[in-house]
C-alpha atoms as a PDB file:
ATOM      1  CA  UNK A   1     116.085 124.761 109.824  1.00  0.00           C
ATOM      2  CA  UNK A   2     119.714 125.583 109.017  1.00  0.00           C
ATOM      3  CA  UNK A   3     121.551 123.380 106.499  1.00  0.00           C
ATOM      4  CA  UNK A   4     124.677 125.531 106.247  1.00  0.00           C
ATOM      5  CA  UNK A   5     126.447 123.130 108.621  1.00  0.00           C
ATOM      6  CA  UNK A   6     125.525 119.442 108.440  1.00  0.00           C
ATOM      7  CA  UNK A   7     126.404 117.790 111.743  1.00  0.00           C
ATOM      8  CA  UNK A   8     125.134 115.040 114.040  1.00  0.00           C
ATOM      9  CA  UNK A   9     122.789 117.438 115.849  1.00  0.00           C
ATOM     10  CA  UNK A  10     121.084 118.447 112.593  1.00  0.00           C
ATOM     11  CA  UNK A  11     120.790 114.844 111.403  1.00  0.00           C
ATOM     12  CA  UNK A  12     119.386 113.725 114.768  1.00  0.00           C
ATOM     13  CA  UNK A  13     116.860 116.564 114.909  1.00  0.00           C
ATOM     14  CA  UNK A  14     115.686 115.983 111.343  1.00  0.00           C
ATOM     15  CA  UNK A  15     115.438 112.211 111.854  1.00  0.00           C
ATOM     16  CA  UNK A  16     113.374 112.683 115.020  1.00  0.00           C
ATOM     17  CA  UNK A  17     111.009 115.103 113.276  1.00  0.00           C
ATOM     18  CA  UNK A  18     110.581 112.704 110.357  1.00  0.00           C
ATOM     19  CA  UNK A  19     109.899 109.794 112.719  1.00  0.00           C
ATOM     20  CA  UNK A  20     107.125 111.879 114.252  1.00  0.00           C
ATOM     21  CA  UNK A  21     106.003 113.182 110.876  1.00  0.00           C
ATOM     22  CA  UNK A  22     105.963 109.947 108.878  1.00  0.00           C
ATOM     23  CA  UNK A  23     106.855 107.215 111.351  1.00  0.00           C
ATOM     24  CA  UNK A  24     104.469 104.374 112.252  1.00  0.00           C
ATOM     25  CA  UNK A  25     103.152 105.538 115.647  1.00  0.00           C
ATOM     26  CA  UNK A  26     100.334 107.870 114.587  1.00  0.00           C
ATOM     27  CA  UNK A  27      99.171 105.520 111.814  1.00  0.00           C
ATOM     28  CA  UNK A  28      99.406 102.306 113.847  1.00  0.00           C
ATOM     29  CA  UNK A  29      96.092 102.369 115.732  1.00  0.00           C
ATOM     30  CA  UNK A  30      94.055 103.707 112.764  1.00  0.00           C
ATOM     31  CA  UNK A  31      95.626 101.003 110.583  1.00  0.00           C
ATOM     32  CA  UNK A  32      94.629  98.243 113.020  1.00  0.00           C
ATOM     33  CA  UNK A  33      91.108  99.640 113.386  1.00  0.00           C
ATOM     34  CA  UNK A  34      90.431 100.132 109.691  1.00  0.00           C
ATOM     35  CA  UNK A  35      91.946  96.834 108.489  1.00  0.00           C
ATOM     36  CA  UNK A  36      90.641  94.516 111.231  1.00  0.00           C
ATOM     37  CA  UNK A  37      88.216  92.790 108.843  1.00  0.00           C
ATOM     38  CA  UNK A  38      90.834  91.976 106.199  1.00  0.00           C
ATOM     39  CA  UNK A  39      92.973  88.864 105.980  1.00  0.00           C
ATOM     40  CA  UNK A  40      96.739  88.983 106.548  1.00  0.00           C
ATOM     41  CA  UNK A  41      97.614  89.127 102.848  1.00  0.00           C
ATOM     42  CA  UNK A  42      95.307  92.098 102.276  1.00  0.00           C
ATOM     43  CA  UNK A  43      96.653  93.894 105.352  1.00  0.00           C
ATOM     44  CA  UNK A  44     100.195  93.474 104.039  1.00  0.00           C
ATOM     45  CA  UNK A  45      99.119  94.814 100.633  1.00  0.00           C
ATOM     46  CA  UNK A  46      97.441  97.819 102.234  1.00  0.00           C
ATOM     47  CA  UNK A  47     100.511  98.452 104.376  1.00  0.00           C
ATOM     48  CA  UNK A  48     102.837  98.214 101.377  1.00  0.00           C
ATOM     49  CA  UNK A  49     100.722 100.615  99.297  1.00  0.00           C
ATOM     50  CA  UNK A  50     100.300 103.009 102.216  1.00  0.00           C
ATOM     51  CA  UNK A  51     104.053 103.282 102.811  1.00  0.00           C
ATOM     52  CA  UNK A  52     104.835 103.610  99.102  1.00  0.00           C
ATOM     53  CA  UNK A  53     102.274 106.392  98.634  1.00  0.00           C
ATOM     54  CA  UNK A  54     103.472 108.246 101.745  1.00  0.00           C
ATOM     55  CA  UNK A  55     107.145 108.057 100.714  1.00  0.00           C
ATOM     56  CA  UNK A  56     106.482 109.093  97.104  1.00  0.00           C
ATOM     57  CA  UNK A  57     104.304 111.981  98.309  1.00  0.00           C
ATOM     58  CA  UNK A  58     107.028 113.057 100.742  1.00  0.00           C
ATOM     59  CA  UNK A  59     109.678 113.018  98.000  1.00  0.00           C
ATOM     60  CA  UNK A  60     107.436 115.001  95.640  1.00  0.00           C
ATOM     61  CA  UNK A  61     106.764 117.554  98.379  1.00  0.00           C
ATOM     62  CA  UNK A  62     110.479 117.866  99.050  1.00  0.00           C
ATOM     63  CA  UNK A  63     111.227 118.321  95.346  1.00  0.00           C
ATOM     64  CA  UNK A  64     108.499 120.916  94.821  1.00  0.00           C
ATOM     65  CA  UNK A  65     107.983 122.476  98.268  1.00  0.00           C
ATOM     66  CA  UNK A  66     110.188 125.515  97.728  1.00  0.00           C
ATOM     67  CA  UNK A  67     108.587 126.187  94.338  1.00  0.00           C
ATOM     68  CA  UNK A  68     105.085 125.835  95.780  1.00  0.00           C
ATOM     69  CA  UNK A  69     105.872 128.330  98.541  1.00  0.00           C
ATOM     70  CA  UNK A  70     107.119 130.838  95.972  1.00  0.00           C
ATOM     71  CA  UNK A  71     104.145 130.316  93.641  1.00  0.00           C
ATOM     72  CA  UNK A  72     101.615 130.612  96.455  1.00  0.00           C
ATOM     73  CA  UNK A  73     103.505 133.433  98.161  1.00  0.00           C
ATOM     74  CA  UNK A  74     103.612 131.642 101.506  1.00  0.00           C
ATOM     75  CA  UNK A  75     106.444 131.370 104.004  1.00  0.00           C
ATOM     76  CA  UNK A  76     107.821 128.631 106.202  1.00  0.00           C
ATOM     77  CA  UNK A  77     106.116 130.332 109.141  1.00  0.00           C
ATOM     78  CA  UNK A  78     102.722 130.052 107.474  1.00  0.00           C
ATOM     79  CA  UNK A  79     103.333 126.385 106.704  1.00  0.00           C
ATOM     80  CA  UNK A  80     104.321 125.749 110.336  1.00  0.00           C
ATOM     81  CA  UNK A  81     101.166 127.422 111.687  1.00  0.00           C
ATOM     82  CA  UNK A  82      98.924 125.514 109.263  1.00  0.00           C
ATOM     83  CA  UNK A  83     100.643 122.207 110.045  1.00  0.00           C
ATOM     84  CA  UNK A  84     100.350 122.861 113.775  1.00  0.00           C
ATOM     85  CA  UNK A  85      96.600 123.503 113.549  1.00  0.00           C
ATOM     86  CA  UNK A  86      95.921 120.310 111.568  1.00  0.00           C
ATOM     87  CA  UNK A  87      98.204 118.263 113.835  1.00  0.00           C
ATOM     88  CA  UNK A  88      96.419 119.628 116.912  1.00  0.00           C
ATOM     89  CA  UNK A  89      93.097 118.312 115.588  1.00  0.00           C
ATOM     90  CA  UNK A  90      94.573 114.820 115.138  1.00  0.00           C
ATOM     91  CA  UNK A  91      96.490 114.895 118.436  1.00  0.00           C
ATOM     92  CA  UNK A  92      93.504 116.026 120.505  1.00  0.00           C
ATOM     93  CA  UNK A  93      91.485 113.137 119.101  1.00  0.00           C
ATOM     94  CA  UNK A  94      94.290 110.742 120.113  1.00  0.00           C
ATOM     95  CA  UNK A  95      94.600 112.273 123.591  1.00  0.00           C
ATOM     96  CA  UNK A  96      90.837 111.929 124.151  1.00  0.00           C
ATOM     97  CA  UNK A  97      91.113 108.145 124.049  1.00  0.00           C
ATOM     98  CA  UNK A  98      88.934 105.688 122.110  1.00  0.00           C
ATOM     99  CA  UNK A  99      85.520 107.207 121.441  1.00  0.00           C
ATOM    100  CA  UNK A 100      84.535 105.448 118.219  1.00  0.00           C
ATOM    101  CA  UNK A 101      81.589 103.086 118.106  1.00  0.00           C
ATOM    102  CA  UNK A 102      82.245  99.321 117.903  1.00  0.00           C
ATOM    103  CA  UNK A 103      82.883  97.965 114.431  1.00  0.00           C
ATOM    104  CA  UNK A 104      79.709  97.310 112.501  1.00  0.00           C
ATOM    105  CA  UNK A 105      79.863  93.834 110.964  1.00  0.00           C
ATOM    106  CA  UNK A 106      77.224  94.826 108.430  1.00  0.00           C
ATOM    107  CA  UNK A 107      78.958  97.996 107.264  1.00  0.00           C
ATOM    108  CA  UNK A 108      79.632  98.409 103.571  1.00  0.00           C
ATOM    109  CA  UNK A 109      82.979  96.905 102.518  1.00  0.00           C
ATOM    110  CA  UNK A 110      85.881  99.306 102.148  1.00  0.00           C
ATOM    111  CA  UNK A 111      88.087  99.381  99.055  1.00  0.00           C
ATOM    112  CA  UNK A 112      91.594  98.448 100.334  1.00  0.00           C
ATOM    113  CA  UNK A 113      93.322 100.532  97.655  1.00  0.00           C
ATOM    114  CA  UNK A 114      91.376 103.677  98.548  1.00  0.00           C
ATOM    115  CA  UNK A 115      91.895 103.014 102.241  1.00  0.00           C
ATOM    116  CA  UNK A 116      95.657 102.790 101.721  1.00  0.00           C
ATOM    117  CA  UNK A 117      95.667 106.251 100.132  1.00  0.00           C
ATOM    118  CA  UNK A 118      93.237 108.041 102.460  1.00  0.00           C
ATOM    119  CA  UNK A 119      93.257 108.288 105.383  1.00  0.00           C
ATOM    120  CA  UNK A 120      96.117 105.862 106.068  1.00  0.00           C
ATOM    121  CA  UNK A 121      98.904 107.197 103.814  1.00  0.00           C
ATOM    122  CA  UNK A 122      97.805 110.815 104.283  1.00  0.00           C
ATOM    123  CA  UNK A 123      97.187 112.232 106.870  1.00  0.00           C
ATOM    124  CA  UNK A 124      98.050 109.398 109.286  1.00  0.00           C
ATOM    125  CA  UNK A 125     101.388 108.034 108.048  1.00  0.00           C
ATOM    126  CA  UNK A 126     102.561 111.224 106.339  1.00  0.00           C
ATOM    127  CA  UNK A 127     101.003 113.537 108.895  1.00  0.00           C
ATOM    128  CA  UNK A 128     101.042 117.351 109.236  1.00  0.00           C
ATOM    129  CA  UNK A 129     104.395 117.340 111.060  1.00  0.00           C
ATOM    130  CA  UNK A 130     106.015 115.444 108.203  1.00  0.00           C
ATOM    131  CA  UNK A 131     104.428 117.619 105.529  1.00  0.00           C
ATOM    132  CA  UNK A 132     105.481 120.781 107.373  1.00  0.00           C
ATOM    133  CA  UNK A 133     109.056 119.631 108.003  1.00  0.00           C
ATOM    134  CA  UNK A 134     109.535 118.446 104.415  1.00  0.00           C
ATOM    135  CA  UNK A 135     108.183 121.639 102.836  1.00  0.00           C
ATOM    136  CA  UNK A 136     110.280 123.839 105.135  1.00  0.00           C
ATOM    137  CA  UNK A 137     113.346 121.670 104.464  1.00  0.00           C
ATOM    138  CA  UNK A 138     112.722 122.029 100.731  1.00  0.00           C
ATOM    139  CA  UNK A 139     113.021 125.782 101.032  1.00  0.00           C
ATOM    140  CA  UNK A 140     115.984 125.629 103.415  1.00  0.00           C
ATOM    141  CA  UNK A 141     118.394 123.234 101.645  1.00  0.00           C
ATOM    142  CA  UNK A 142     121.528 125.006 100.489  1.00  0.00           C
ATOM    143  CA  UNK A 143     123.493 122.287  98.712  1.00  0.00           C
ATOM    144  CA  UNK A 144     123.305 118.922  96.970  1.00  0.00           C
ATOM    145  CA  UNK A 145     124.622 117.295 100.166  1.00  0.00           C
ATOM    146  CA  UNK A 146     121.764 118.708 102.245  1.00  0.00           C
ATOM    147  CA  UNK A 147     119.211 117.596  99.633  1.00  0.00           C
ATOM    148  CA  UNK A 148     120.707 114.090  99.635  1.00  0.00           C
ATOM    149  CA  UNK A 149     120.573 114.046 103.442  1.00  0.00           C
ATOM    150  CA  UNK A 150     116.849 114.864 103.570  1.00  0.00           C
ATOM    151  CA  UNK A 151     116.066 112.365 100.793  1.00  0.00           C
ATOM    152  CA  UNK A 152     118.071 109.617 102.537  1.00  0.00           C
ATOM    153  CA  UNK A 153     116.300 110.212 105.861  1.00  0.00           C
ATOM    154  CA  UNK A 154     112.878 110.109 104.173  1.00  0.00           C
ATOM    155  CA  UNK A 155     113.805 106.768 102.569  1.00  0.00           C
ATOM    156  CA  UNK A 156     115.197 105.467 105.882  1.00  0.00           C
ATOM    157  CA  UNK A 157     111.989 106.269 107.760  1.00  0.00           C
ATOM    158  CA  UNK A 158     109.992 104.799 104.870  1.00  0.00           C
ATOM    159  CA  UNK A 159     111.977 101.549 105.129  1.00  0.00           C
ATOM    160  CA  UNK A 160     111.194 101.395 108.854  1.00  0.00           C
ATOM    161  CA  UNK A 161     107.488 101.949 108.123  1.00  0.00           C
ATOM    162  CA  UNK A 162     107.590  99.194 105.503  1.00  0.00           C
ATOM    163  CA  UNK A 163     109.107  96.781 108.025  1.00  0.00           C
ATOM    164  CA  UNK A 164     106.408  97.591 110.586  1.00  0.00           C
ATOM    165  CA  UNK A 165     103.323  97.532 108.379  1.00  0.00           C
ATOM    166  CA  UNK A 166     104.256  94.436 106.359  1.00  0.00           C
ATOM    167  CA  UNK A 167     104.634  92.516 109.626  1.00  0.00           C
ATOM    168  CA  UNK A 168     101.649  94.088 111.353  1.00  0.00           C
ATOM    169  CA  UNK A 169      99.911  90.842 112.373  1.00  0.00           C
ATOM    170  CA  UNK A 170     103.025  89.573 114.152  1.00  0.00           C
ATOM    171  CA  UNK A 171     103.362  92.890 115.983  1.00  0.00           C
ATOM    172  CA  UNK A 172      99.653  93.103 116.803  1.00  0.00           C
ATOM    173  CA  UNK A 173      99.780  89.773 118.647  1.00  0.00           C
ATOM    174  CA  UNK A 174     102.337  91.263 121.040  1.00  0.00           C
ATOM    175  CA  UNK A 175     100.415  94.476 121.659  1.00  0.00           C
ATOM    176  CA  UNK A 176      98.179  94.594 124.717  1.00  0.00           C
ATOM    177  CA  UNK A 177      94.991  96.640 124.160  1.00  0.00           C
ATOM    178  CA  UNK A 178      95.373  98.519 127.460  1.00  0.00           C
ATOM    179  CA  UNK A 179      98.985  99.438 126.672  1.00  0.00           C
ATOM    180  CA  UNK A 180      97.962 100.628 123.205  1.00  0.00           C
ATOM    181  CA  UNK A 181      95.239 102.881 124.632  1.00  0.00           C
ATOM    182  CA  UNK A 182      97.557 104.357 127.266  1.00  0.00           C
ATOM    183  CA  UNK A 183     100.366 104.959 124.771  1.00  0.00           C
ATOM    184  CA  UNK A 184      97.894 106.516 122.327  1.00  0.00           C
ATOM    185  CA  UNK A 185      96.655 108.993 124.950  1.00  0.00           C
ATOM    186  CA  UNK A 186     100.186 109.860 126.127  1.00  0.00           C
ATOM    187  CA  UNK A 187     101.458 110.274 122.574  1.00  0.00           C
ATOM    188  CA  UNK A 188      98.411 112.388 121.751  1.00  0.00           C
ATOM    189  CA  UNK A 189      99.271 114.780 124.579  1.00  0.00           C
ATOM    190  CA  UNK A 190     102.892 114.975 123.409  1.00  0.00           C
ATOM    191  CA  UNK A 191     101.775 115.602 119.833  1.00  0.00           C
ATOM    192  CA  UNK A 192      99.469 118.372 121.021  1.00  0.00           C
ATOM    193  CA  UNK A 193     102.527 120.007 122.578  1.00  0.00           C
ATOM    194  CA  UNK A 194     104.392 119.573 119.279  1.00  0.00           C
ATOM    195  CA  UNK A 195     101.438 121.190 117.476  1.00  0.00           C
ATOM    196  CA  UNK A 196     101.500 124.147 119.851  1.00  0.00           C
ATOM    197  CA  UNK A 197     105.258 124.516 119.330  1.00  0.00           C
ATOM    198  CA  UNK A 198     104.805 124.450 115.549  1.00  0.00           C
ATOM    199  CA  UNK A 199     102.233 127.229 115.800  1.00  0.00           C
ATOM    200  CA  UNK A 200     104.421 129.290 118.170  1.00  0.00           C
ATOM    201  CA  UNK A 201     107.481 128.829 115.949  1.00  0.00           C
ATOM    202  CA  UNK A 202     105.468 129.786 112.871  1.00  0.00           C
ATOM    203  CA  UNK A 203     104.058 132.890 114.550  1.00  0.00           C
ATOM    204  CA  UNK A 204     107.582 133.836 115.615  1.00  0.00           C
ATOM    205  CA  UNK A 205     108.842 133.445 112.047  1.00  0.00           C
ATOM    206  CA  UNK A 206     106.004 135.643 110.826  1.00  0.00           C
ATOM    207  CA  UNK A 207     106.884 138.317 113.376  1.00  0.00           C
ATOM    208  CA  UNK A 208     103.493 138.094 115.062  1.00  0.00           C
ATOM    209  CA  UNK A 209     105.072 137.215 118.408  1.00  0.00           C
ATOM    210  CA  UNK A 210     108.539 138.004 119.732  1.00  0.00           C
ATOM    211  CA  UNK A 211     111.314 135.610 118.662  1.00  0.00           C
ATOM    212  CA  UNK A 212     112.110 134.820 122.317  1.00  0.00           C
ATOM    213  CA  UNK A 213     108.630 133.413 122.854  1.00  0.00           C
ATOM    214  CA  UNK A 214     108.950 131.203 119.769  1.00  0.00           C
ATOM    215  CA  UNK A 215     111.849 129.120 121.156  1.00  0.00           C
END
Protein backbone atom coordinates (compact mmCIF):
# COMPACT_ATOMS: atom_id res chain seq x y z
CA UNK A 1 0.00 0.00 0.00
CA UNK A 2 1.73 3.14 -1.29
CA UNK A 3 0.66 6.51 0.15
CA UNK A 4 3.40 8.57 -1.50
CA UNK A 5 0.90 9.66 -4.16
CA UNK A 6 -2.73 10.11 -3.11
CA UNK A 7 -4.95 9.81 -6.18
CA UNK A 8 -8.39 8.52 -7.16
CA UNK A 9 -7.06 5.00 -7.75
CA UNK A 10 -5.64 4.79 -4.22
CA UNK A 11 -8.80 6.20 -2.65
CA UNK A 12 -11.00 3.81 -4.65
CA UNK A 13 -8.87 0.78 -3.79
CA UNK A 14 -8.77 1.64 -0.09
CA UNK A 15 -12.51 2.35 0.03
CA UNK A 16 -13.29 -0.98 -1.64
CA UNK A 17 -11.05 -2.87 0.79
CA UNK A 18 -12.67 -1.14 3.76
CA UNK A 19 -16.16 -1.92 2.44
CA UNK A 20 -15.14 -5.57 2.34
CA UNK A 21 -13.29 -5.33 5.63
CA UNK A 22 -15.85 -3.44 7.72
CA UNK A 23 -18.88 -3.02 5.47
CA UNK A 24 -22.28 -4.55 6.26
CA UNK A 25 -22.31 -7.58 3.93
CA UNK A 26 -20.42 -10.14 6.02
CA UNK A 27 -22.18 -9.10 9.24
CA UNK A 28 -25.68 -8.87 7.76
CA UNK A 29 -26.78 -12.52 7.87
CA UNK A 30 -25.19 -13.24 11.29
CA UNK A 31 -26.87 -10.09 12.63
CA UNK A 32 -30.30 -11.21 11.39
CA UNK A 33 -29.80 -14.73 12.75
CA UNK A 34 -28.54 -13.73 16.17
CA UNK A 35 -31.05 -10.90 16.78
CA UNK A 36 -34.20 -12.55 15.40
CA UNK A 37 -35.73 -12.93 18.87
CA UNK A 38 -35.29 -9.28 19.85
CA UNK A 39 -37.74 -6.45 19.28
CA UNK A 40 -36.99 -3.62 16.84
CA UNK A 41 -35.74 -1.21 19.51
CA UNK A 42 -33.26 -3.77 20.85
CA UNK A 43 -32.06 -4.63 17.34
CA UNK A 44 -31.40 -0.95 16.67
CA UNK A 45 -29.50 -0.67 19.97
CA UNK A 46 -27.41 -3.72 19.14
CA UNK A 47 -26.71 -2.37 15.66
CA UNK A 48 -25.70 1.04 17.03
CA UNK A 49 -23.34 -0.49 19.61
CA UNK A 50 -21.90 -2.93 17.08
CA UNK A 51 -21.02 -0.17 14.61
CA UNK A 52 -19.62 2.11 17.31
CA UNK A 53 -17.39 -0.65 18.72
CA UNK A 54 -16.18 -1.67 15.25
CA UNK A 55 -15.34 1.92 14.25
CA UNK A 56 -13.59 2.73 17.53
CA UNK A 57 -11.61 -0.52 17.31
CA UNK A 58 -10.64 0.28 13.72
CA UNK A 59 -9.44 3.77 14.67
CA UNK A 60 -7.44 2.40 17.61
CA UNK A 61 -5.85 -0.21 15.35
CA UNK A 62 -4.96 2.47 12.82
CA UNK A 63 -3.44 4.67 15.52
CA UNK A 64 -1.42 1.86 17.09
CA UNK A 65 -0.92 -0.65 14.25
CA UNK A 66 2.55 0.51 13.22
CA UNK A 67 3.71 0.55 16.85
CA UNK A 68 2.29 -2.92 17.48
CA UNK A 69 4.11 -4.32 14.45
CA UNK A 70 7.39 -2.85 15.70
CA UNK A 71 6.87 -4.08 19.27
CA UNK A 72 5.92 -7.58 18.16
CA UNK A 73 8.55 -7.67 15.42
CA UNK A 74 6.03 -8.59 12.73
CA UNK A 75 5.73 -7.31 9.17
CA UNK A 76 2.87 -6.36 6.91
CA UNK A 77 3.38 -9.66 5.10
CA UNK A 78 2.84 -11.62 8.31
CA UNK A 79 -0.31 -9.63 9.06
CA UNK A 80 -1.62 -10.31 5.54
CA UNK A 81 -1.03 -14.07 5.84
CA UNK A 82 -2.69 -14.22 9.27
CA UNK A 83 -5.65 -12.15 8.09
CA UNK A 84 -6.04 -14.33 5.00
CA UNK A 85 -6.15 -17.53 7.06
CA UNK A 86 -8.81 -16.20 9.46
CA UNK A 87 -10.84 -14.74 6.58
CA UNK A 88 -10.69 -18.07 4.74
CA UNK A 89 -12.29 -19.81 7.73
CA UNK A 90 -15.17 -17.31 7.75
CA UNK A 91 -15.54 -17.27 3.95
CA UNK A 92 -15.61 -21.06 3.61
CA UNK A 93 -18.40 -21.20 6.17
CA UNK A 94 -20.34 -18.61 4.14
CA UNK A 95 -19.71 -20.44 0.85
CA UNK A 96 -20.95 -23.73 2.36
CA UNK A 97 -24.45 -22.29 2.73
CA UNK A 98 -26.73 -22.45 5.78
CA UNK A 99 -25.83 -25.44 7.95
CA UNK A 100 -26.88 -24.22 11.39
CA UNK A 101 -29.69 -25.89 13.28
CA UNK A 102 -33.07 -24.10 13.54
CA UNK A 103 -33.34 -21.54 16.30
CA UNK A 104 -34.13 -23.08 19.66
CA UNK A 105 -37.00 -21.17 21.27
CA UNK A 106 -35.97 -22.49 24.68
CA UNK A 107 -32.32 -21.47 24.41
CA UNK A 108 -30.86 -19.32 27.15
CA UNK A 109 -31.32 -15.59 26.48
CA UNK A 110 -28.36 -13.74 25.02
CA UNK A 111 -27.06 -10.49 26.49
CA UNK A 112 -27.54 -7.89 23.70
CA UNK A 113 -24.54 -5.84 24.84
CA UNK A 114 -22.19 -8.83 24.74
CA UNK A 115 -23.64 -9.92 21.41
CA UNK A 116 -22.94 -6.49 19.93
CA UNK A 117 -19.27 -6.79 20.88
CA UNK A 118 -18.66 -10.44 19.96
CA UNK A 119 -19.16 -11.86 17.44
CA UNK A 120 -21.04 -9.07 15.66
CA UNK A 121 -18.63 -6.11 15.98
CA UNK A 122 -15.56 -8.34 15.74
CA UNK A 123 -15.00 -10.50 13.70
CA UNK A 124 -18.11 -10.04 11.53
CA UNK A 125 -18.40 -6.27 11.00
CA UNK A 126 -14.71 -5.48 11.49
CA UNK A 127 -13.49 -8.67 9.86
CA UNK A 128 -9.96 -9.96 9.12
CA UNK A 129 -9.74 -8.02 5.84
CA UNK A 130 -10.48 -4.76 7.64
CA UNK A 131 -8.07 -5.50 10.48
CA UNK A 132 -5.33 -6.45 8.02
CA UNK A 133 -5.84 -3.42 5.76
CA UNK A 134 -5.96 -0.99 8.69
CA UNK A 135 -2.82 -2.36 10.37
CA UNK A 136 -0.89 -2.36 7.08
CA UNK A 137 -2.14 1.16 6.31
CA UNK A 138 -0.98 2.28 9.76
CA UNK A 139 2.55 1.24 8.93
CA UNK A 140 2.42 2.64 5.39
CA UNK A 141 1.09 6.19 5.92
CA UNK A 142 3.71 8.79 5.07
CA UNK A 143 1.99 12.08 5.87
CA UNK A 144 -0.79 13.77 7.83
CA UNK A 145 -2.86 13.87 4.62
CA UNK A 146 -2.64 10.09 4.18
CA UNK A 147 -3.56 9.53 7.84
CA UNK A 148 -6.57 11.84 7.46
CA UNK A 149 -7.60 9.97 4.31
CA UNK A 150 -7.62 6.57 6.03
CA UNK A 151 -9.45 7.98 9.07
CA UNK A 152 -12.07 9.67 6.87
CA UNK A 153 -12.71 6.47 4.90
CA UNK A 154 -13.09 4.44 8.11
CA UNK A 155 -15.65 6.98 9.37
CA UNK A 156 -17.43 6.99 5.99
CA UNK A 157 -17.81 3.21 5.97
CA UNK A 158 -18.88 3.34 9.62
CA UNK A 159 -21.61 5.86 8.74
CA UNK A 160 -22.86 3.52 6.00
CA UNK A 161 -22.91 0.62 8.48
CA UNK A 162 -24.84 2.76 10.96
CA UNK A 163 -27.44 3.58 8.31
CA UNK A 164 -27.88 -0.10 7.44
CA UNK A 165 -28.01 -1.61 10.91
CA UNK A 166 -30.24 1.05 12.49
CA UNK A 167 -32.80 0.43 9.74
CA UNK A 168 -32.36 -3.34 9.65
CA UNK A 169 -36.05 -4.26 10.05
CA UNK A 170 -37.05 -2.12 7.07
CA UNK A 171 -34.31 -3.70 4.97
CA UNK A 172 -35.08 -7.23 6.17
CA UNK A 173 -38.67 -6.97 4.91
CA UNK A 174 -37.33 -6.42 1.39
CA UNK A 175 -34.85 -9.28 1.50
CA UNK A 176 -35.97 -12.60 0.05
CA UNK A 177 -34.55 -15.61 1.94
CA UNK A 178 -33.53 -17.40 -1.27
CA UNK A 179 -31.72 -14.32 -2.58
CA UNK A 180 -29.93 -13.92 0.76
CA UNK A 181 -28.72 -17.53 0.70
CA UNK A 182 -27.51 -17.28 -2.90
CA UNK A 183 -25.73 -13.97 -2.30
CA UNK A 184 -24.15 -15.36 0.87
CA UNK A 185 -22.73 -18.37 -0.99
CA UNK A 186 -21.48 -16.25 -3.92
CA UNK A 187 -19.93 -13.66 -1.61
CA UNK A 188 -18.35 -16.46 0.43
CA UNK A 189 -16.62 -17.79 -2.69
CA UNK A 190 -15.40 -14.30 -3.59
CA UNK A 191 -14.13 -13.75 -0.05
CA UNK A 192 -12.29 -17.07 -0.18
CA UNK A 193 -10.51 -15.75 -3.27
CA UNK A 194 -9.70 -12.53 -1.38
CA UNK A 195 -8.33 -14.64 1.49
CA UNK A 196 -6.12 -16.60 -0.89
CA UNK A 197 -4.86 -13.34 -2.44
CA UNK A 198 -4.06 -11.94 1.01
CA UNK A 199 -2.03 -15.04 1.82
CA UNK A 200 -0.23 -14.96 -1.56
CA UNK A 201 0.53 -11.24 -1.21
CA UNK A 202 1.79 -11.77 2.34
CA UNK A 203 4.01 -14.67 1.29
CA UNK A 204 5.37 -12.53 -1.54
CA UNK A 205 6.16 -9.70 0.88
CA UNK A 206 7.96 -12.16 3.13
CA UNK A 207 10.02 -13.44 0.21
CA UNK A 208 8.69 -16.97 0.56
CA UNK A 209 7.34 -16.95 -3.00
CA UNK A 210 8.47 -14.92 -6.00
CA UNK A 211 7.05 -11.39 -6.26
CA UNK A 212 5.54 -12.19 -9.68
CA UNK A 213 3.36 -14.90 -8.18
CA UNK A 214 2.11 -12.52 -5.48
CA UNK A 215 0.39 -10.13 -7.92
